[in-house]
Amino acid sequence: MADFVVREWRLDPYDGDQAPLHIHHAGEEAFICLDGEFEVLVDGVRERVAPGQFFVVQRGSQHTFAARSGAHILAVMNPEIAELVDGLHADLSADELSALWSRCRSSLA
C-alpha cells in the first residue's frame, strides 16, 4: 500500500456493530487495538482483537466491527476508504451516499 491514512478512534460502548456490514473492493483496512474490547466480523466470523493486537481486513471481505465496552483503536486505510469514512459522517442525501460508496469502490453487503 503506497499511501495510507491512520485514524485514531475512541469508540464509545455500543451493544451492536459500529458500522453496517460492508465491503471495500479495492483496498485493505487494518485495526490496531490500543485499549478496550474490540471485535471485527469478517465473512461471518467474529474475531476478538485484544489490546496490542491488530487485524487486517482483506479487500473484498464483508466486514464490520464492534466495541461493546468501548475501545481505543488505530484504523489504517487507503485514502479512498478514508474519504468514504469521512463522507459517511457528513450530512449527505441518499443519492450522494450512493455515489460516495460507488466512487470509493465500496458497497453495503
PDB file of N, CA and C in Angstrom:
ATOM      1  N   MET A   1       0.861  -1.160   0.000  1.00  0.00           N
ATOM      2  CA  MET A   1       0.000   0.000   0.000  1.00  0.00           C
ATOM      3  C   MET A   1       0.911   1.228   0.000  1.00  0.00           C
ATOM      4  N   ALA A   2       0.903   1.972  -1.063  1.00  0.00           N
ATOM      5  CA  ALA A   2       1.790   3.116  -1.203  1.00  0.00           C
ATOM      6  C   ALA A   2       1.370   4.279  -0.304  1.00  0.00           C
ATOM      7  N   ASP A   3       0.111   4.625  -0.323  1.00  0.00           N
ATOM      8  CA  ASP A   3      -0.413   5.709   0.503  1.00  0.00           C
ATOM      9  C   ASP A   3      -1.370   5.120   1.520  1.00  0.00           C
ATOM     10  N   PHE A   4      -1.302   5.632   2.731  1.00  0.00           N
ATOM     11  CA  PHE A   4      -2.253   5.168   3.721  1.00  0.00           C
ATOM     12  C   PHE A   4      -2.556   6.281   4.711  1.00  0.00           C
ATOM     13  N   VAL A   5      -3.677   6.112   5.385  1.00  0.00           N
ATOM     14  CA  VAL A   5      -4.159   7.069   6.368  1.00  0.00           C
ATOM     15  C   VAL A   5      -4.307   6.319   7.684  1.00  0.00           C
ATOM     16  N   VAL A   6      -3.872   6.937   8.764  1.00  0.00           N
ATOM     17  CA  VAL A   6      -4.048   6.364  10.097  1.00  0.00           C
ATOM     18  C   VAL A   6      -4.994   7.278  10.863  1.00  0.00           C
ATOM     19  N   ARG A   7      -6.054   6.685  11.390  1.00  0.00           N
ATOM     20  CA  ARG A   7      -7.023   7.450  12.173  1.00  0.00           C
ATOM     21  C   ARG A   7      -7.097   6.878  13.584  1.00  0.00           C
ATOM     22  N   GLU A   8      -7.113   7.741  14.553  1.00  0.00           N
ATOM     23  CA  GLU A   8      -7.313   7.327  15.939  1.00  0.00           C
ATOM     24  C   GLU A   8      -8.804   7.422  16.244  1.00  0.00           C
ATOM     25  N   TRP A   9      -9.387   6.314  16.676  1.00  0.00           N
ATOM     26  CA  TRP A   9     -10.808   6.274  17.018  1.00  0.00           C
ATOM     27  C   TRP A   9     -10.965   5.869  18.465  1.00  0.00           C
ATOM     28  N   ARG A  10     -11.748   6.620  19.181  1.00  0.00           N
ATOM     29  CA  ARG A  10     -12.176   6.249  20.532  1.00  0.00           C
ATOM     30  C   ARG A  10     -13.652   5.914  20.417  1.00  0.00           C
ATOM     31  N   LEU A  11     -13.938   4.639  20.434  1.00  0.00           N
ATOM     32  CA  LEU A  11     -15.296   4.163  20.220  1.00  0.00           C
ATOM     33  C   LEU A  11     -16.018   4.031  21.555  1.00  0.00           C
ATOM     34  N   ASP A  12     -17.168   4.667  21.659  1.00  0.00           N
ATOM     35  CA  ASP A  12     -17.986   4.551  22.858  1.00  0.00           C
ATOM     36  C   ASP A  12     -18.601   3.165  22.932  1.00  0.00           C
ATOM     37  N   PRO A  13     -18.917   2.715  24.142  1.00  0.00           N
ATOM     38  CA  PRO A  13     -19.601   1.425  24.265  1.00  0.00           C
ATOM     39  C   PRO A  13     -20.903   1.433  23.458  1.00  0.00           C
ATOM     40  N   TYR A  14     -21.151   0.327  22.782  1.00  0.00           N
ATOM     41  CA  TYR A  14     -22.350   0.208  21.949  1.00  0.00           C
ATOM     42  C   TYR A  14     -22.672  -1.274  21.841  1.00  0.00           C
ATOM     43  N   ASP A  15     -23.939  -1.627  22.030  1.00  0.00           N
ATOM     44  CA  ASP A  15     -24.332  -3.041  22.050  1.00  0.00           C
ATOM     45  C   ASP A  15     -24.245  -3.726  20.687  1.00  0.00           C
ATOM     46  N   GLY A  16     -24.373  -2.980  19.606  1.00  0.00           N
ATOM     47  CA  GLY A  16     -24.351  -3.584  18.278  1.00  0.00           C
ATOM     48  C   GLY A  16     -23.056  -3.307  17.549  1.00  0.00           C
ATOM     49  N   ASP A  17     -23.081  -3.556  16.251  1.00  0.00           N
ATOM     50  CA  ASP A  17     -21.920  -3.253  15.415  1.00  0.00           C
ATOM     51  C   ASP A  17     -21.858  -1.751  15.164  1.00  0.00           C
ATOM     52  N   GLN A  18     -20.654  -1.221  15.053  1.00  0.00           N
ATOM     53  CA  GLN A  18     -20.442   0.218  14.912  1.00  0.00           C
ATOM     54  C   GLN A  18     -20.687   0.721  13.490  1.00  0.00           C
ATOM     55  N   ALA A  19     -20.698  -0.181  12.531  1.00  0.00           N
ATOM     56  CA  ALA A  19     -20.898   0.194  11.126  1.00  0.00           C
ATOM     57  C   ALA A  19     -21.757  -0.876  10.463  1.00  0.00           C
ATOM     58  N   PRO A  20     -22.439  -0.523   9.380  1.00  0.00           N
ATOM     59  CA  PRO A  20     -23.175  -1.560   8.658  1.00  0.00           C
ATOM     60  C   PRO A  20     -22.198  -2.544   8.006  1.00  0.00           C
ATOM     61  N   LEU A  21     -22.654  -3.744   7.768  1.00  0.00           N
ATOM     62  CA  LEU A  21     -21.839  -4.740   7.070  1.00  0.00           C
ATOM     63  C   LEU A  21     -21.530  -4.199   5.672  1.00  0.00           C
ATOM     64  N   HIS A  22     -20.251  -4.157   5.316  1.00  0.00           N
ATOM     65  CA  HIS A  22     -19.848  -3.546   4.054  1.00  0.00           C
ATOM     66  C   HIS A  22     -18.607  -4.226   3.485  1.00  0.00           C
ATOM     67  N   ILE A  23     -18.267  -3.830   2.247  1.00  0.00           N
ATOM     68  CA  ILE A  23     -17.133  -4.406   1.517  1.00  0.00           C
ATOM     69  C   ILE A  23     -16.339  -3.275   0.881  1.00  0.00           C
ATOM     70  N   HIS A  24     -15.018  -3.335   1.015  1.00  0.00           N
ATOM     71  CA  HIS A  24     -14.116  -2.453   0.262  1.00  0.00           C
ATOM     72  C   HIS A  24     -13.533  -3.315  -0.857  1.00  0.00           C
ATOM     73  N   HIS A  25     -13.838  -2.961  -2.088  1.00  0.00           N
ATOM     74  CA  HIS A  25     -13.460  -3.802  -3.226  1.00  0.00           C
ATOM     75  C   HIS A  25     -12.029  -3.565  -3.706  1.00  0.00           C
ATOM     76  N   ALA A  26     -11.417  -2.459  -3.275  1.00  0.00           N
ATOM     77  CA  ALA A  26     -10.106  -2.127  -3.841  1.00  0.00           C
ATOM     78  C   ALA A  26      -9.056  -1.777  -2.786  1.00  0.00           C
ATOM     79  N   GLY A  27      -9.297  -2.128  -1.538  1.00  0.00           N
ATOM     80  CA  GLY A  27      -8.295  -1.801  -0.534  1.00  0.00           C
ATOM     81  C   GLY A  27      -8.502  -2.550   0.760  1.00  0.00           C
ATOM     82  N   GLU A  28      -7.401  -2.758   1.465  1.00  0.00           N
ATOM     83  CA  GLU A  28      -7.449  -3.391   2.769  1.00  0.00           C
ATOM     84  C   GLU A  28      -7.670  -2.323   3.842  1.00  0.00           C
ATOM     85  N   GLU A  29      -8.105  -2.802   5.003  1.00  0.00           N
ATOM     86  CA  GLU A  29      -8.290  -1.932   6.158  1.00  0.00           C
ATOM     87  C   GLU A  29      -7.761  -2.693   7.374  1.00  0.00           C
ATOM     88  N   ALA A  30      -7.010  -2.007   8.213  1.00  0.00           N
ATOM     89  CA  ALA A  30      -6.444  -2.666   9.395  1.00  0.00           C
ATOM     90  C   ALA A  30      -6.874  -1.924  10.648  1.00  0.00           C
ATOM     91  N   PHE A  31      -7.029  -2.686  11.717  1.00  0.00           N
ATOM     92  CA  PHE A  31      -7.397  -2.128  13.009  1.00  0.00           C
ATOM     93  C   PHE A  31      -6.369  -2.577  14.046  1.00  0.00           C
ATOM     94  N   ILE A  32      -5.854  -1.634  14.817  1.00  0.00           N
ATOM     95  CA  ILE A  32      -4.919  -1.910  15.897  1.00  0.00           C
ATOM     96  C   ILE A  32      -5.621  -1.513  17.190  1.00  0.00           C
ATOM     97  N   CYS A  33      -5.808  -2.461  18.079  1.00  0.00           N
ATOM     98  CA  CYS A  33      -6.477  -2.179  19.345  1.00  0.00           C
ATOM     99  C   CYS A  33      -5.451  -1.670  20.342  1.00  0.00           C
ATOM    100  N   LEU A  34      -5.670  -0.476  20.849  1.00  0.00           N
ATOM    101  CA  LEU A  34      -4.785   0.099  21.862  1.00  0.00           C
ATOM    102  C   LEU A  34      -5.307  -0.165  23.268  1.00  0.00           C
ATOM    103  N   ASP A  35      -6.634  -0.163  23.406  1.00  0.00           N
ATOM    104  CA  ASP A  35      -7.243  -0.363  24.713  1.00  0.00           C
ATOM    105  C   ASP A  35      -8.708  -0.737  24.523  1.00  0.00           C
ATOM    106  N   GLY A  36      -9.244  -1.492  25.448  1.00  0.00           N
ATOM    107  CA  GLY A  36     -10.647  -1.843  25.420  1.00  0.00           C
ATOM    108  C   GLY A  36     -10.893  -3.192  24.774  1.00  0.00           C
ATOM    109  N   GLU A  37     -12.162  -3.411  24.447  1.00  0.00           N
ATOM    110  CA  GLU A  37     -12.577  -4.659  23.819  1.00  0.00           C
ATOM    111  C   GLU A  37     -13.073  -4.351  22.413  1.00  0.00           C
ATOM    112  N   PHE A  38     -12.404  -4.930  21.432  1.00  0.00           N
ATOM    113  CA  PHE A  38     -12.706  -4.651  20.032  1.00  0.00           C
ATOM    114  C   PHE A  38     -12.911  -5.964  19.300  1.00  0.00           C
ATOM    115  N   GLU A  39     -13.897  -6.006  18.438  1.00  0.00           N
ATOM    116  CA  GLU A  39     -14.179  -7.197  17.639  1.00  0.00           C
ATOM    117  C   GLU A  39     -14.340  -6.799  16.185  1.00  0.00           C
ATOM    118  N   VAL A  40     -13.902  -7.671  15.305  1.00  0.00           N
ATOM    119  CA  VAL A  40     -14.099  -7.483  13.871  1.00  0.00           C
ATOM    120  C   VAL A  40     -14.875  -8.692  13.366  1.00  0.00           C
ATOM    121  N   LEU A  41     -15.943  -8.441  12.633  1.00  0.00           N
ATOM    122  CA  LEU A  41     -16.721  -9.502  11.996  1.00  0.00           C
ATOM    123  C   LEU A  41     -16.336  -9.510  10.523  1.00  0.00           C
ATOM    124  N   VAL A  42     -15.745 -10.614  10.061  1.00  0.00           N
ATOM    125  CA  VAL A  42     -15.296 -10.730   8.671  1.00  0.00           C
ATOM    126  C   VAL A  42     -15.859 -12.018   8.084  1.00  0.00           C
ATOM    127  N   ASP A  43     -16.604 -11.859   6.995  1.00  0.00           N
ATOM    128  CA  ASP A  43     -17.182 -13.005   6.285  1.00  0.00           C
ATOM    129  C   ASP A  43     -17.883 -13.969   7.247  1.00  0.00           C
ATOM    130  N   GLY A  44     -18.627 -13.408   8.192  1.00  0.00           N
ATOM    131  CA  GLY A  44     -19.433 -14.203   9.107  1.00  0.00           C
ATOM    132  C   GLY A  44     -18.723 -14.718  10.339  1.00  0.00           C
ATOM    133  N   VAL A  45     -17.431 -14.450  10.481  1.00  0.00           N
ATOM    134  CA  VAL A  45     -16.661 -14.915  11.637  1.00  0.00           C
ATOM    135  C   VAL A  45     -16.254 -13.706  12.476  1.00  0.00           C
ATOM    136  N   ARG A  46     -16.611 -13.741  13.762  1.00  0.00           N
ATOM    137  CA  ARG A  46     -16.274 -12.647  14.669  1.00  0.00           C
ATOM    138  C   ARG A  46     -14.959 -12.966  15.379  1.00  0.00           C
ATOM    139  N   GLU A  47     -14.006 -12.019  15.286  1.00  0.00           N
ATOM    140  CA  GLU A  47     -12.685 -12.179  15.887  1.00  0.00           C
ATOM    141  C   GLU A  47     -12.478 -11.101  16.943  1.00  0.00           C
ATOM    142  N   ARG A  48     -12.013 -11.479  18.108  1.00  0.00           N
ATOM    143  CA  ARG A  48     -11.662 -10.520  19.148  1.00  0.00           C
ATOM    144  C   ARG A  48     -10.250 -10.001  18.860  1.00  0.00           C
ATOM    145  N   VAL A  49     -10.076  -8.691  18.995  1.00  0.00           N
ATOM    146  CA  VAL A  49      -8.765  -8.064  18.823  1.00  0.00           C
ATOM    147  C   VAL A  49      -8.408  -7.445  20.174  1.00  0.00           C
ATOM    148  N   ALA A  50      -7.509  -8.078  20.885  1.00  0.00           N
ATOM    149  CA  ALA A  50      -7.122  -7.633  22.227  1.00  0.00           C
ATOM    150  C   ALA A  50      -6.166  -6.440  22.129  1.00  0.00           C
ATOM    151  N   PRO A  51      -6.062  -5.655  23.202  1.00  0.00           N
ATOM    152  CA  PRO A  51      -5.088  -4.555  23.216  1.00  0.00           C
ATOM    153  C   PRO A  51      -3.692  -5.069  22.847  1.00  0.00           C
ATOM    154  N   GLY A  52      -3.056  -4.348  21.945  1.00  0.00           N
ATOM    155  CA  GLY A  52      -1.731  -4.732  21.466  1.00  0.00           C
ATOM    156  C   GLY A  52      -1.772  -5.594  20.216  1.00  0.00           C
ATOM    157  N   GLN A  53      -2.954  -6.047  19.820  1.00  0.00           N
ATOM    158  CA  GLN A  53      -3.094  -6.869  18.617  1.00  0.00           C
ATOM    159  C   GLN A  53      -3.657  -6.038  17.471  1.00  0.00           C
ATOM    160  N   PHE A  54      -3.512  -6.594  16.261  1.00  0.00           N
ATOM    161  CA  PHE A  54      -4.087  -5.936  15.087  1.00  0.00           C
ATOM    162  C   PHE A  54      -4.796  -6.966  14.237  1.00  0.00           C
ATOM    163  N   PHE A  55      -5.652  -6.461  13.343  1.00  0.00           N
ATOM    164  CA  PHE A  55      -6.401  -7.327  12.439  1.00  0.00           C
ATOM    165  C   PHE A  55      -6.482  -6.629  11.087  1.00  0.00           C
ATOM    166  N   VAL A  56      -6.194  -7.353  10.014  1.00  0.00           N
ATOM    167  CA  VAL A  56      -6.270  -6.805   8.662  1.00  0.00           C
ATOM    168  C   VAL A  56      -7.475  -7.407   7.954  1.00  0.00           C
ATOM    169  N   VAL A  57      -8.333  -6.549   7.441  1.00  0.00           N
ATOM    170  CA  VAL A  57      -9.479  -6.974   6.642  1.00  0.00           C
ATOM    171  C   VAL A  57      -9.054  -6.912   5.173  1.00  0.00           C
ATOM    172  N   GLN A  58      -9.052  -8.048   4.529  1.00  0.00           N
ATOM    173  CA  GLN A  58      -8.646  -8.113   3.128  1.00  0.00           C
ATOM    174  C   GLN A  58      -9.723  -7.507   2.214  1.00  0.00           C
ATOM    175  N   ARG A  59      -9.280  -6.911   1.130  1.00  0.00           N
ATOM    176  CA  ARG A  59     -10.233  -6.352   0.163  1.00  0.00           C
ATOM    177  C   ARG A  59     -11.212  -7.442  -0.278  1.00  0.00           C
ATOM    178  N   GLY A  60     -12.453  -7.035  -0.501  1.00  0.00           N
ATOM    179  CA  GLY A  60     -13.484  -7.964  -0.943  1.00  0.00           C
ATOM    180  C   GLY A  60     -14.164  -8.726   0.176  1.00  0.00           C
ATOM    181  N   SER A  61     -13.756  -8.512   1.425  1.00  0.00           N
ATOM    182  CA  SER A  61     -14.350  -9.213   2.561  1.00  0.00           C
ATOM    183  C   SER A  61     -15.495  -8.398   3.159  1.00  0.00           C
ATOM    184  N   GLN A  62     -16.606  -9.071   3.417  1.00  0.00           N
ATOM    185  CA  GLN A  62     -17.712  -8.427   4.134  1.00  0.00           C
ATOM    186  C   GLN A  62     -17.260  -8.242   5.579  1.00  0.00           C
ATOM    187  N   HIS A  63     -17.426  -7.036   6.113  1.00  0.00           N
ATOM    188  CA  HIS A  63     -16.962  -6.810   7.473  1.00  0.00           C
ATOM    189  C   HIS A  63     -17.694  -5.674   8.173  1.00  0.00           C
ATOM    190  N   THR A  64     -17.563  -5.686   9.475  1.00  0.00           N
ATOM    191  CA  THR A  64     -17.969  -4.601  10.355  1.00  0.00           C
ATOM    192  C   THR A  64     -17.165  -4.763  11.630  1.00  0.00           C
ATOM    193  N   PHE A  65     -17.422  -3.922  12.627  1.00  0.00           N
ATOM    194  CA  PHE A  65     -16.669  -4.007  13.870  1.00  0.00           C
ATOM    195  C   PHE A  65     -17.538  -3.561  15.033  1.00  0.00           C
ATOM    196  N   ALA A  66     -17.130  -3.961  16.229  1.00  0.00           N
ATOM    197  CA  ALA A  66     -17.894  -3.641  17.429  1.00  0.00           C
ATOM    198  C   ALA A  66     -16.950  -3.325  18.578  1.00  0.00           C
ATOM    199  N   ALA A  67     -17.435  -2.479  19.479  1.00  0.00           N
ATOM    200  CA  ALA A  67     -16.714  -2.138  20.709  1.00  0.00           C
ATOM    201  C   ALA A  67     -17.746  -2.095  21.825  1.00  0.00           C
ATOM    202  N   ARG A  68     -18.224  -3.247  22.220  1.00  0.00           N
ATOM    203  CA  ARG A  68     -19.341  -3.330  23.158  1.00  0.00           C
ATOM    204  C   ARG A  68     -19.063  -2.645  24.498  1.00  0.00           C
ATOM    205  N   SER A  69     -17.818  -2.646  24.941  1.00  0.00           N
ATOM    206  CA  SER A  69     -17.442  -1.967  26.185  1.00  0.00           C
ATOM    207  C   SER A  69     -16.640  -0.703  25.922  1.00  0.00           C
ATOM    208  N   GLY A  70     -16.522  -0.334  24.657  1.00  0.00           N
ATOM    209  CA  GLY A  70     -15.698   0.804  24.268  1.00  0.00           C
ATOM    210  C   GLY A  70     -14.298   0.353  23.905  1.00  0.00           C
ATOM    211  N   ALA A  71     -13.641   1.102  23.056  1.00  0.00           N
ATOM    212  CA  ALA A  71     -12.290   0.749  22.632  1.00  0.00           C
ATOM    213  C   ALA A  71     -11.567   1.981  22.099  1.00  0.00           C
ATOM    214  N   HIS A  72     -10.254   1.921  22.189  1.00  0.00           N
ATOM    215  CA  HIS A  72      -9.374   2.934  21.612  1.00  0.00           C
ATOM    216  C   HIS A  72      -8.565   2.198  20.552  1.00  0.00           C
ATOM    217  N   ILE A  73      -8.734   2.579  19.291  1.00  0.00           N
ATOM    218  CA  ILE A  73      -8.065   1.863  18.211  1.00  0.00           C
ATOM    219  C   ILE A  73      -7.411   2.837  17.236  1.00  0.00           C
ATOM    220  N   LEU A  74      -6.502   2.277  16.448  1.00  0.00           N
ATOM    221  CA  LEU A  74      -5.983   2.958  15.271  1.00  0.00           C
ATOM    222  C   LEU A  74      -6.535   2.209  14.070  1.00  0.00           C
ATOM    223  N   ALA A  75      -7.093   2.940  13.133  1.00  0.00           N
ATOM    224  CA  ALA A  75      -7.585   2.361  11.895  1.00  0.00           C
ATOM    225  C   ALA A  75      -6.646   2.804  10.780  1.00  0.00           C
ATOM    226  N   VAL A  76      -6.171   1.850  10.002  1.00  0.00           N
ATOM    227  CA  VAL A  76      -5.233   2.128   8.911  1.00  0.00           C
ATOM    228  C   VAL A  76      -5.929   1.765   7.608  1.00  0.00           C
ATOM    229  N   MET A  77      -5.954   2.704   6.666  1.00  0.00           N
ATOM    230  CA  MET A  77      -6.705   2.509   5.430  1.00  0.00           C
ATOM    231  C   MET A  77      -6.074   3.329   4.311  1.00  0.00           C
ATOM    232  N   ASN A  78      -6.513   3.068   3.089  1.00  0.00           N
ATOM    233  CA  ASN A  78      -6.039   3.895   1.987  1.00  0.00           C
ATOM    234  C   ASN A  78      -6.871   5.182   1.943  1.00  0.00           C
ATOM    235  N   PRO A  79      -6.424   6.194   1.182  1.00  0.00           N
ATOM    236  CA  PRO A  79      -7.150   7.465   1.129  1.00  0.00           C
ATOM    237  C   PRO A  79      -8.594   7.313   0.640  1.00  0.00           C
ATOM    238  N   GLU A  80      -8.839   6.356  -0.223  1.00  0.00           N
ATOM    239  CA  GLU A  80     -10.188   6.118  -0.739  1.00  0.00           C
ATOM    240  C   GLU A  80     -11.146   5.692   0.382  1.00  0.00           C
ATOM    241  N   ILE A  81     -10.706   4.780   1.234  1.00  0.00           N
ATOM    242  CA  ILE A  81     -11.537   4.340   2.353  1.00  0.00           C
ATOM    243  C   ILE A  81     -11.694   5.484   3.355  1.00  0.00           C
ATOM    244  N   ALA A  82     -10.645   6.270   3.569  1.00  0.00           N
ATOM    245  CA  ALA A  82     -10.741   7.431   4.456  1.00  0.00           C
ATOM    246  C   ALA A  82     -11.784   8.423   3.938  1.00  0.00           C
ATOM    247  N   GLU A  83     -11.822   8.624   2.633  1.00  0.00           N
ATOM    248  CA  GLU A  83     -12.837   9.506   2.046  1.00  0.00           C
ATOM    249  C   GLU A  83     -14.241   8.969   2.329  1.00  0.00           C
ATOM    250  N   LEU A  84     -14.402   7.659   2.211  1.00  0.00           N
ATOM    251  CA  LEU A  84     -15.695   7.037   2.494  1.00  0.00           C
ATOM    252  C   LEU A  84     -16.089   7.272   3.948  1.00  0.00           C
ATOM    253  N   VAL A  85     -15.183   7.011   4.872  1.00  0.00           N
ATOM    254  CA  VAL A  85     -15.467   7.189   6.302  1.00  0.00           C
ATOM    255  C   VAL A  85     -15.865   8.638   6.584  1.00  0.00           C
ATOM    256  N   ASP A  86     -15.116   9.581   6.037  1.00  0.00           N
ATOM    257  CA  ASP A  86     -15.443  10.994   6.234  1.00  0.00           C
ATOM    258  C   ASP A  86     -16.827  11.310   5.683  1.00  0.00           C
ATOM    259  N   GLY A  87     -17.120  10.820   4.496  1.00  0.00           N
ATOM    260  CA  GLY A  87     -18.406  11.090   3.865  1.00  0.00           C
ATOM    261  C   GLY A  87     -19.576  10.487   4.617  1.00  0.00           C
ATOM    262  N   LEU A  88     -19.356   9.331   5.217  1.00  0.00           N
ATOM    263  CA  LEU A  88     -20.439   8.682   5.961  1.00  0.00           C
ATOM    264  C   LEU A  88     -20.807   9.455   7.217  1.00  0.00           C
ATOM    265  N   HIS A  89     -19.902  10.320   7.676  1.00  0.00           N
ATOM    266  CA  HIS A  89     -20.183  11.143   8.846  1.00  0.00           C
ATOM    267  C   HIS A  89     -20.662  12.541   8.455  1.00  0.00           C
ATOM    268  N   ALA A  90     -20.864  12.782   7.177  1.00  0.00           N
ATOM    269  CA  ALA A  90     -21.365  14.066   6.685  1.00  0.00           C
ATOM    270  C   ALA A  90     -22.882  13.971   6.488  1.00  0.00           C
ATOM    271  N   ASP A  91     -23.493  15.092   6.309  1.00  0.00           N
ATOM    272  CA  ASP A  91     -24.945  15.152   6.085  1.00  0.00           C
ATOM    273  C   ASP A  91     -25.203  15.064   4.579  1.00  0.00           C
ATOM    274  N   LEU A  92     -25.320  13.819   4.072  1.00  0.00           N
ATOM    275  CA  LEU A  92     -25.493  13.589   2.644  1.00  0.00           C
ATOM    276  C   LEU A  92     -26.879  13.017   2.352  1.00  0.00           C
ATOM    277  N   SER A  93     -27.375  13.320   1.166  1.00  0.00           N
ATOM    278  CA  SER A  93     -28.648  12.751   0.715  1.00  0.00           C
ATOM    279  C   SER A  93     -28.428  11.283   0.345  1.00  0.00           C
ATOM    280  N   ALA A  94     -29.509  10.562   0.151  1.00  0.00           N
ATOM    281  CA  ALA A  94     -29.416   9.151  -0.247  1.00  0.00           C
ATOM    282  C   ALA A  94     -28.658   9.009  -1.562  1.00  0.00           C
ATOM    283  N   ASP A  95     -28.915   9.898  -2.515  1.00  0.00           N
ATOM    284  CA  ASP A  95     -28.201   9.843  -3.797  1.00  0.00           C
ATOM    285  C   ASP A  95     -26.715  10.136  -3.625  1.00  0.00           C
ATOM    286  N   GLU A  96     -26.387  11.099  -2.765  1.00  0.00           N
ATOM    287  CA  GLU A  96     -24.977  11.422  -2.512  1.00  0.00           C
ATOM    288  C   GLU A  96     -24.265  10.264  -1.818  1.00  0.00           C
ATOM    289  N   LEU A  97     -24.954   9.600  -0.882  1.00  0.00           N
ATOM    290  CA  LEU A  97     -24.365   8.432  -0.219  1.00  0.00           C
ATOM    291  C   LEU A  97     -24.106   7.309  -1.207  1.00  0.00           C
ATOM    292  N   SER A  98     -25.048   7.056  -2.080  1.00  0.00           N
ATOM    293  CA  SER A  98     -24.882   6.010  -3.088  1.00  0.00           C
ATOM    294  C   SER A  98     -23.681   6.314  -3.981  1.00  0.00           C
ATOM    295  N   ALA A  99     -23.560   7.559  -4.406  1.00  0.00           N
ATOM    296  CA  ALA A  99     -22.434   7.965  -5.246  1.00  0.00           C
ATOM    297  C   ALA A  99     -21.109   7.840  -4.485  1.00  0.00           C
ATOM    298  N   LEU A 100     -21.125   8.163  -3.190  1.00  0.00           N
ATOM    299  CA  LEU A 100     -19.920   8.053  -2.364  1.00  0.00           C
ATOM    300  C   LEU A 100     -19.442   6.604  -2.291  1.00  0.00           C
ATOM    301  N   TRP A 101     -20.352   5.668  -1.976  1.00  0.00           N
ATOM    302  CA  TRP A 101     -19.980   4.250  -1.913  1.00  0.00           C
ATOM    303  C   TRP A 101     -19.371   3.806  -3.240  1.00  0.00           C
ATOM    304  N   SER A 102     -19.990   4.205  -4.335  1.00  0.00           N
ATOM    305  CA  SER A 102     -19.510   3.803  -5.658  1.00  0.00           C
ATOM    306  C   SER A 102     -18.144   4.417  -5.969  1.00  0.00           C
ATOM    307  N   ARG A 103     -18.010   5.717  -5.725  1.00  0.00           N
ATOM    308  CA  ARG A 103     -16.754   6.426  -6.013  1.00  0.00           C
ATOM    309  C   ARG A 103     -15.595   5.832  -5.194  1.00  0.00           C
ATOM    310  N   CYS A 104     -15.899   5.383  -3.986  1.00  0.00           N
ATOM    311  CA  CYS A 104     -14.858   4.843  -3.100  1.00  0.00           C
ATOM    312  C   CYS A 104     -14.706   3.321  -3.271  1.00  0.00           C
ATOM    313  N   ARG A 105     -15.275   2.786  -4.331  1.00  0.00           N
ATOM    314  CA  ARG A 105     -15.175   1.369  -4.678  1.00  0.00           C
ATOM    315  C   ARG A 105     -15.462   0.463  -3.469  1.00  0.00           C
ATOM    316  N   SER A 106     -16.581   0.785  -2.817  1.00  0.00           N
ATOM    317  CA  SER A 106     -17.057   0.043  -1.653  1.00  0.00           C
ATOM    318  C   SER A 106     -18.564  -0.128  -1.800  1.00  0.00           C
ATOM    319  N   SER A 107     -19.127  -1.039  -1.029  1.00  0.00           N
ATOM    320  CA  SER A 107     -20.568  -1.253  -1.099  1.00  0.00           C
ATOM    321  C   SER A 107     -21.084  -1.819   0.217  1.00  0.00           C
ATOM    322  N   LEU A 108     -22.363  -1.602   0.456  1.00  0.00           N
ATOM    323  CA  LEU A 108     -23.023  -2.253   1.581  1.00  0.00           C
ATOM    324  C   LEU A 108     -23.194  -3.712   1.225  1.00  0.00           C
ATOM    325  N   ALA A 109     -23.089  -4.580   2.206  1.00  0.00           N
ATOM    326  CA  ALA A 109     -23.199  -6.020   1.948  1.00  0.00           C
ATOM    327  C   ALA A 109     -24.663  -6.456   1.974  1.00  0.00           C
TER     328      ALA A 109
END
